[in-house]
């Protein structure tokens, strides 16, 4: 099984690495763009999106992540990572634009408004535990985006091709459904082949 990376510039990267290890993947902490080589996928963890953008200035991360996705890599973002993937961020900040969605930062409230909940995710096998910490909200999803999970009726977990975004923190629970899903997604050769044909 190919290695699955976790962007380790800030945020909960160690917990994501542990979750990937639990589902049989070989996690790799990624701190340089050169370390994307040979990965099947990459998790962009939660944290603080503006801080993450500042840390990414040292190397051409946007260009490297776009190329990584174009050549068949799975990109997954949780919380701040989901913000980085979206087409449009409110209030405005730079993003990769690989997910056709509009997302609002901190829309579930401040740190004191953090909570645990159950996400209805039939595509991942049923209900899964989730932790929402200063969580963003999807304000609009374009037709190409598939909803994989909902909380209180609203989408909190979505997928577009090889891009998966969650507004919550799955790594802070015992549930490994999302990490298992990501590893299985990265193992689908038809997705990588389609990406190669499109590039």
C-alpha atoms as a PDB file:
ATOM      1  CA  UNK A   1       0.000   0.000   0.000  1.00  0.00           C
ATOM      2  CA  UNK A   2       1.329   3.422  -0.974  1.00  0.00           C
ATOM      3  CA  UNK A   3       2.090   5.979   1.700  1.00  0.00           C
ATOM      4  CA  UNK A   4      -0.569   8.526   2.651  1.00  0.00           C
ATOM      5  CA  UNK A   5       0.724  11.919   3.700  1.00  0.00           C
ATOM      6  CA  UNK A   6      -0.377  14.419   6.335  1.00  0.00           C
ATOM      7  CA  UNK A   7       0.580  18.060   5.899  1.00  0.00           C
ATOM      8  CA  UNK A   8       2.588  18.674   9.076  1.00  0.00           C
ATOM      9  CA  UNK A   9       3.010  22.454   9.111  1.00  0.00           C
ATOM     10  CA  UNK A  10       0.548  23.000  11.973  1.00  0.00           C
ATOM     11  CA  UNK A  11      -2.658  21.587  13.431  1.00  0.00           C
ATOM     12  CA  UNK A  12      -3.589  18.024  14.346  1.00  0.00           C
ATOM     13  CA  UNK A  13      -1.296  16.197  11.959  1.00  0.00           C
ATOM     14  CA  UNK A  14      -0.091  13.632  14.529  1.00  0.00           C
ATOM     15  CA  UNK A  15      -3.659  12.493  15.274  1.00  0.00           C
ATOM     16  CA  UNK A  16      -4.357  12.097  11.547  1.00  0.00           C
ATOM     17  CA  UNK A  17      -1.176  10.066  11.130  1.00  0.00           C
ATOM     18  CA  UNK A  18      -2.249   7.788  13.986  1.00  0.00           C
ATOM     19  CA  UNK A  19      -5.705   7.329  12.433  1.00  0.00           C
ATOM     20  CA  UNK A  20      -4.189   6.435   9.063  1.00  0.00           C
ATOM     21  CA  UNK A  21      -1.909   3.931  10.763  1.00  0.00           C
ATOM     22  CA  UNK A  22      -4.960   2.389  12.462  1.00  0.00           C
ATOM     23  CA  UNK A  23      -6.533   1.607   9.069  1.00  0.00           C
ATOM     24  CA  UNK A  24      -3.382   0.005   7.693  1.00  0.00           C
ATOM     25  CA  UNK A  25      -1.898   2.915   5.772  1.00  0.00           C
ATOM     26  CA  UNK A  26       1.707   4.065   6.002  1.00  0.00           C
ATOM     27  CA  UNK A  27       1.504   7.721   7.102  1.00  0.00           C
ATOM     28  CA  UNK A  28       4.149  10.265   6.174  1.00  0.00           C
ATOM     29  CA  UNK A  29       4.399  13.690   7.774  1.00  0.00           C
ATOM     30  CA  UNK A  30       4.934  16.204   4.966  1.00  0.00           C
ATOM     31  CA  UNK A  31       6.772  19.459   5.676  1.00  0.00           C
ATOM     32  CA  UNK A  32       8.332  20.161   2.257  1.00  0.00           C
ATOM     33  CA  UNK A  33       6.787  20.120  -1.195  1.00  0.00           C
ATOM     34  CA  UNK A  34       9.358  17.546  -2.316  1.00  0.00           C
ATOM     35  CA  UNK A  35       7.891  15.093   0.205  1.00  0.00           C
ATOM     36  CA  UNK A  36       4.680  14.828  -1.838  1.00  0.00           C
ATOM     37  CA  UNK A  37       6.475  12.522  -4.266  1.00  0.00           C
ATOM     38  CA  UNK A  38       5.297   8.919  -4.076  1.00  0.00           C
ATOM     39  CA  UNK A  39       2.192   9.610  -1.972  1.00  0.00           C
ATOM     40  CA  UNK A  40      -1.240   8.212  -2.811  1.00  0.00           C
ATOM     41  CA  UNK A  41      -3.011  10.967  -0.915  1.00  0.00           C
ATOM     42  CA  UNK A  42      -2.597  13.850   1.503  1.00  0.00           C
ATOM     43  CA  UNK A  43      -4.627  15.068   4.475  1.00  0.00           C
ATOM     44  CA  UNK A  44      -4.615  18.811   5.173  1.00  0.00           C
ATOM     45  CA  UNK A  45      -5.501  18.939   8.871  1.00  0.00           C
ATOM     46  CA  UNK A  46      -7.437  21.427  10.915  1.00  0.00           C
ATOM     47  CA  UNK A  47      -5.800  24.294  12.731  1.00  0.00           C
ATOM     48  CA  UNK A  48      -5.978  27.953  11.768  1.00  0.00           C
ATOM     49  CA  UNK A  49      -6.344  28.616   8.052  1.00  0.00           C
ATOM     50  CA  UNK A  50      -4.661  32.034   8.006  1.00  0.00           C
ATOM     51  CA  UNK A  51      -1.714  30.675  10.003  1.00  0.00           C
ATOM     52  CA  UNK A  52      -1.459  27.759   7.584  1.00  0.00           C
ATOM     53  CA  UNK A  53      -1.382  30.145   4.623  1.00  0.00           C
ATOM     54  CA  UNK A  54       1.449  32.095   6.251  1.00  0.00           C
ATOM     55  CA  UNK A  55       3.431  28.904   6.820  1.00  0.00           C
ATOM     56  CA  UNK A  56       2.936  27.878   3.193  1.00  0.00           C
ATOM     57  CA  UNK A  57       4.652  30.997   1.867  1.00  0.00           C
ATOM     58  CA  UNK A  58       8.112  29.475   2.169  1.00  0.00           C
ATOM     59  CA  UNK A  59       7.543  27.034  -0.714  1.00  0.00           C
ATOM     60  CA  UNK A  60       5.233  26.843  -3.772  1.00  0.00           C
ATOM     61  CA  UNK A  61       2.600  24.799  -1.945  1.00  0.00           C
ATOM     62  CA  UNK A  62      -0.393  25.832  -4.036  1.00  0.00           C
ATOM     63  CA  UNK A  63       1.309  24.884  -7.284  1.00  0.00           C
ATOM     64  CA  UNK A  64       2.662  21.637  -5.824  1.00  0.00           C
ATOM     65  CA  UNK A  65      -0.691  20.557  -4.356  1.00  0.00           C
ATOM     66  CA  UNK A  66      -2.483  21.349  -7.601  1.00  0.00           C
ATOM     67  CA  UNK A  67       0.023  19.218  -9.532  1.00  0.00           C
ATOM     68  CA  UNK A  68      -0.272  16.443  -6.926  1.00  0.00           C
ATOM     69  CA  UNK A  69      -4.040  16.382  -7.406  1.00  0.00           C
ATOM     70  CA  UNK A  70      -3.771  16.561 -11.218  1.00  0.00           C
ATOM     71  CA  UNK A  71      -1.549  13.491 -11.367  1.00  0.00           C
ATOM     72  CA  UNK A  72      -3.997  11.366  -9.364  1.00  0.00           C
ATOM     73  CA  UNK A  73      -3.408  12.084  -5.675  1.00  0.00           C
ATOM     74  CA  UNK A  74      -6.305  12.211  -3.228  1.00  0.00           C
ATOM     75  CA  UNK A  75      -6.576  15.484  -1.289  1.00  0.00           C
ATOM     76  CA  UNK A  76      -8.564  15.586   1.939  1.00  0.00           C
ATOM     77  CA  UNK A  77      -9.115  18.589   4.171  1.00  0.00           C
ATOM     78  CA  UNK A  78     -10.594  18.709   7.657  1.00  0.00           C
ATOM     79  CA  UNK A  79     -11.809  21.999   9.159  1.00  0.00           C
ATOM     80  CA  UNK A  80      -9.102  24.507   8.119  1.00  0.00           C
ATOM     81  CA  UNK A  81      -8.051  22.029   5.442  1.00  0.00           C
ATOM     82  CA  UNK A  82     -11.566  22.131   3.983  1.00  0.00           C
ATOM     83  CA  UNK A  83     -11.318  25.921   3.829  1.00  0.00           C
ATOM     84  CA  UNK A  84      -8.068  25.668   1.885  1.00  0.00           C
ATOM     85  CA  UNK A  85      -9.656  23.348  -0.702  1.00  0.00           C
ATOM     86  CA  UNK A  86     -12.798  25.384  -1.450  1.00  0.00           C
ATOM     87  CA  UNK A  87     -13.389  27.522  -4.531  1.00  0.00           C
ATOM     88  CA  UNK A  88     -14.587  30.514  -2.487  1.00  0.00           C
ATOM     89  CA  UNK A  89     -13.878  31.418   1.147  1.00  0.00           C
ATOM     90  CA  UNK A  90     -15.858  33.919   3.232  1.00  0.00           C
ATOM     91  CA  UNK A  91     -14.442  36.239   4.513  1.00  0.00           C
ATOM     92  CA  UNK A  92     -12.160  36.117   1.491  1.00  0.00           C
ATOM     93  CA  UNK A  93      -8.761  34.487   1.659  1.00  0.00           C
ATOM     94  CA  UNK A  94      -6.643  32.571  -0.877  1.00  0.00           C
ATOM     95  CA  UNK A  95      -7.531  28.932  -1.487  1.00  0.00           C
ATOM     96  CA  UNK A  96      -6.699  26.080  -3.848  1.00  0.00           C
ATOM     97  CA  UNK A  97     -10.132  26.140  -5.502  1.00  0.00           C
ATOM     98  CA  UNK A  98     -10.178  22.381  -6.108  1.00  0.00           C
ATOM     99  CA  UNK A  99     -13.597  21.872  -4.490  1.00  0.00           C
ATOM    100  CA  UNK A 100     -16.581  23.581  -6.112  1.00  0.00           C
ATOM    101  CA  UNK A 101     -17.980  24.948  -2.877  1.00  0.00           C
ATOM    102  CA  UNK A 102     -18.429  28.193  -0.997  1.00  0.00           C
ATOM    103  CA  UNK A 103     -17.353  27.949   2.641  1.00  0.00           C
ATOM    104  CA  UNK A 104     -17.554  30.344   5.600  1.00  0.00           C
ATOM    105  CA  UNK A 105     -14.822  30.347   8.224  1.00  0.00           C
ATOM    106  CA  UNK A 106     -15.693  29.855  11.924  1.00  0.00           C
ATOM    107  CA  UNK A 107     -19.386  29.757  11.008  1.00  0.00           C
ATOM    108  CA  UNK A 108     -20.340  27.322  13.783  1.00  0.00           C
ATOM    109  CA  UNK A 109     -19.035  29.786  16.378  1.00  0.00           C
ATOM    110  CA  UNK A 110     -15.975  30.503  18.472  1.00  0.00           C
ATOM    111  CA  UNK A 111     -13.755  28.097  20.399  1.00  0.00           C
ATOM    112  CA  UNK A 112     -16.183  28.106  23.339  1.00  0.00           C
ATOM    113  CA  UNK A 113     -18.926  26.939  20.965  1.00  0.00           C
ATOM    114  CA  UNK A 114     -17.058  23.735  20.084  1.00  0.00           C
ATOM    115  CA  UNK A 115     -19.070  20.528  20.409  1.00  0.00           C
ATOM    116  CA  UNK A 116     -19.178  16.806  19.705  1.00  0.00           C
ATOM    117  CA  UNK A 117     -21.892  15.341  17.509  1.00  0.00           C
ATOM    118  CA  UNK A 118     -22.886  12.394  15.359  1.00  0.00           C
ATOM    119  CA  UNK A 119     -22.660  12.817  11.604  1.00  0.00           C
ATOM    120  CA  UNK A 120     -25.049  10.837   9.419  1.00  0.00           C
ATOM    121  CA  UNK A 121     -22.745   9.334   6.801  1.00  0.00           C
ATOM    122  CA  UNK A 122     -24.414   6.399   5.011  1.00  0.00           C
ATOM    123  CA  UNK A 123     -21.765   6.507   2.274  1.00  0.00           C
ATOM    124  CA  UNK A 124     -19.178   5.648   4.939  1.00  0.00           C
ATOM    125  CA  UNK A 125     -21.217   2.913   6.582  1.00  0.00           C
ATOM    126  CA  UNK A 126     -23.486   4.854   8.940  1.00  0.00           C
ATOM    127  CA  UNK A 127     -23.279   7.339  11.819  1.00  0.00           C
ATOM    128  CA  UNK A 128     -19.823   8.551  12.809  1.00  0.00           C
ATOM    129  CA  UNK A 129     -18.568  10.638  15.721  1.00  0.00           C
ATOM    130  CA  UNK A 130     -17.285  14.132  14.987  1.00  0.00           C
ATOM    131  CA  UNK A 131     -15.775  17.070  16.855  1.00  0.00           C
ATOM    132  CA  UNK A 132     -16.568  20.597  15.647  1.00  0.00           C
ATOM    133  CA  UNK A 133     -14.016  23.241  16.724  1.00  0.00           C
ATOM    134  CA  UNK A 134     -14.473  26.759  15.319  1.00  0.00           C
ATOM    135  CA  UNK A 135     -15.884  24.854  12.387  1.00  0.00           C
ATOM    136  CA  UNK A 136     -16.586  26.310   8.966  1.00  0.00           C
ATOM    137  CA  UNK A 137     -19.872  25.839   7.118  1.00  0.00           C
ATOM    138  CA  UNK A 138     -20.574  25.029   3.482  1.00  0.00           C
ATOM    139  CA  UNK A 139     -22.712  27.889   2.141  1.00  0.00           C
ATOM    140  CA  UNK A 140     -23.077  26.545  -1.405  1.00  0.00           C
ATOM    141  CA  UNK A 141     -22.205  23.319  -3.199  1.00  0.00           C
ATOM    142  CA  UNK A 142     -22.039  23.072  -6.970  1.00  0.00           C
ATOM    143  CA  UNK A 143     -23.625  20.088  -8.790  1.00  0.00           C
ATOM    144  CA  UNK A 144     -20.368  18.130  -9.114  1.00  0.00           C
ATOM    145  CA  UNK A 145     -20.028  17.931  -5.323  1.00  0.00           C
ATOM    146  CA  UNK A 146     -21.426  14.837  -3.596  1.00  0.00           C
ATOM    147  CA  UNK A 147     -22.609  15.033   0.028  1.00  0.00           C
ATOM    148  CA  UNK A 148     -21.202  12.139   2.062  1.00  0.00           C
ATOM    149  CA  UNK A 149     -22.294  13.244   5.533  1.00  0.00           C
ATOM    150  CA  UNK A 150     -24.724  15.599   7.243  1.00  0.00           C
ATOM    151  CA  UNK A 151     -25.175  17.041  10.706  1.00  0.00           C
ATOM    152  CA  UNK A 152     -28.651  18.358  11.598  1.00  0.00           C
ATOM    153  CA  UNK A 153     -29.520  18.129   7.913  1.00  0.00           C
ATOM    154  CA  UNK A 154     -26.696  20.283   6.578  1.00  0.00           C
ATOM    155  CA  UNK A 155     -23.678  18.985   4.638  1.00  0.00           C
ATOM    156  CA  UNK A 156     -20.494  18.632   6.688  1.00  0.00           C
ATOM    157  CA  UNK A 157     -18.634  16.015   4.630  1.00  0.00           C
ATOM    158  CA  UNK A 158     -18.392  16.230   0.842  1.00  0.00           C
ATOM    159  CA  UNK A 159     -16.485  14.802  -2.097  1.00  0.00           C
ATOM    160  CA  UNK A 160     -15.688  15.918  -5.614  1.00  0.00           C
ATOM    161  CA  UNK A 161     -13.675  13.294  -7.456  1.00  0.00           C
ATOM    162  CA  UNK A 162     -10.426  12.877  -5.539  1.00  0.00           C
ATOM    163  CA  UNK A 163     -11.097  15.830  -3.210  1.00  0.00           C
ATOM    164  CA  UNK A 164     -12.782  15.191   0.151  1.00  0.00           C
ATOM    165  CA  UNK A 165     -13.596  17.891   2.695  1.00  0.00           C
ATOM    166  CA  UNK A 166     -14.988  17.706   6.235  1.00  0.00           C
ATOM    167  CA  UNK A 167     -15.887  20.708   8.379  1.00  0.00           C
ATOM    168  CA  UNK A 168     -15.206  18.668  11.521  1.00  0.00           C
ATOM    169  CA  UNK A 169     -12.306  16.792  13.131  1.00  0.00           C
ATOM    170  CA  UNK A 170     -12.645  13.012  12.628  1.00  0.00           C
ATOM    171  CA  UNK A 171      -9.158  12.376  13.993  1.00  0.00           C
ATOM    172  CA  UNK A 172     -10.206  13.453  17.513  1.00  0.00           C
ATOM    173  CA  UNK A 173     -12.696  10.568  17.801  1.00  0.00           C
ATOM    174  CA  UNK A 174     -12.388   6.796  17.806  1.00  0.00           C
ATOM    175  CA  UNK A 175     -14.125   6.593  14.448  1.00  0.00           C
ATOM    176  CA  UNK A 176     -11.830   5.627  11.593  1.00  0.00           C
ATOM    177  CA  UNK A 177     -14.508   5.531   8.871  1.00  0.00           C
ATOM    178  CA  UNK A 178     -13.295   8.644   7.053  1.00  0.00           C
ATOM    179  CA  UNK A 179      -9.623   7.684   7.085  1.00  0.00           C
ATOM    180  CA  UNK A 180     -10.530   4.205   5.831  1.00  0.00           C
ATOM    181  CA  UNK A 181     -12.603   5.798   3.076  1.00  0.00           C
ATOM    182  CA  UNK A 182      -9.685   8.023   2.023  1.00  0.00           C
ATOM    183  CA  UNK A 183      -7.260   5.110   1.805  1.00  0.00           C
ATOM    184  CA  UNK A 184      -9.774   3.097  -0.229  1.00  0.00           C
ATOM    185  CA  UNK A 185     -10.377   6.088  -2.517  1.00  0.00           C
ATOM    186  CA  UNK A 186      -6.649   6.456  -3.159  1.00  0.00           C
ATOM    187  CA  UNK A 187      -6.485   2.779  -4.115  1.00  0.00           C
ATOM    188  CA  UNK A 188      -9.025   3.162  -6.957  1.00  0.00           C
ATOM    189  CA  UNK A 189      -6.922   2.976 -10.150  1.00  0.00           C
ATOM    190  CA  UNK A 190      -9.691   4.313 -12.400  1.00  0.00           C
ATOM    191  CA  UNK A 191      -9.572   7.679 -10.624  1.00  0.00           C
ATOM    192  CA  UNK A 192      -5.838   8.029 -11.108  1.00  0.00           C
ATOM    193  CA  UNK A 193      -6.184   6.955 -14.744  1.00  0.00           C
ATOM    194  CA  UNK A 194      -8.874   9.545 -15.353  1.00  0.00           C
ATOM    195  CA  UNK A 195      -6.654  12.218 -13.806  1.00  0.00           C
ATOM    196  CA  UNK A 196      -3.754  11.239 -16.039  1.00  0.00           C
ATOM    197  CA  UNK A 197      -6.000  11.382 -19.121  1.00  0.00           C
ATOM    198  CA  UNK A 198      -7.242  14.845 -18.174  1.00  0.00           C
ATOM    199  CA  UNK A 199      -3.760  16.311 -17.533  1.00  0.00           C
END
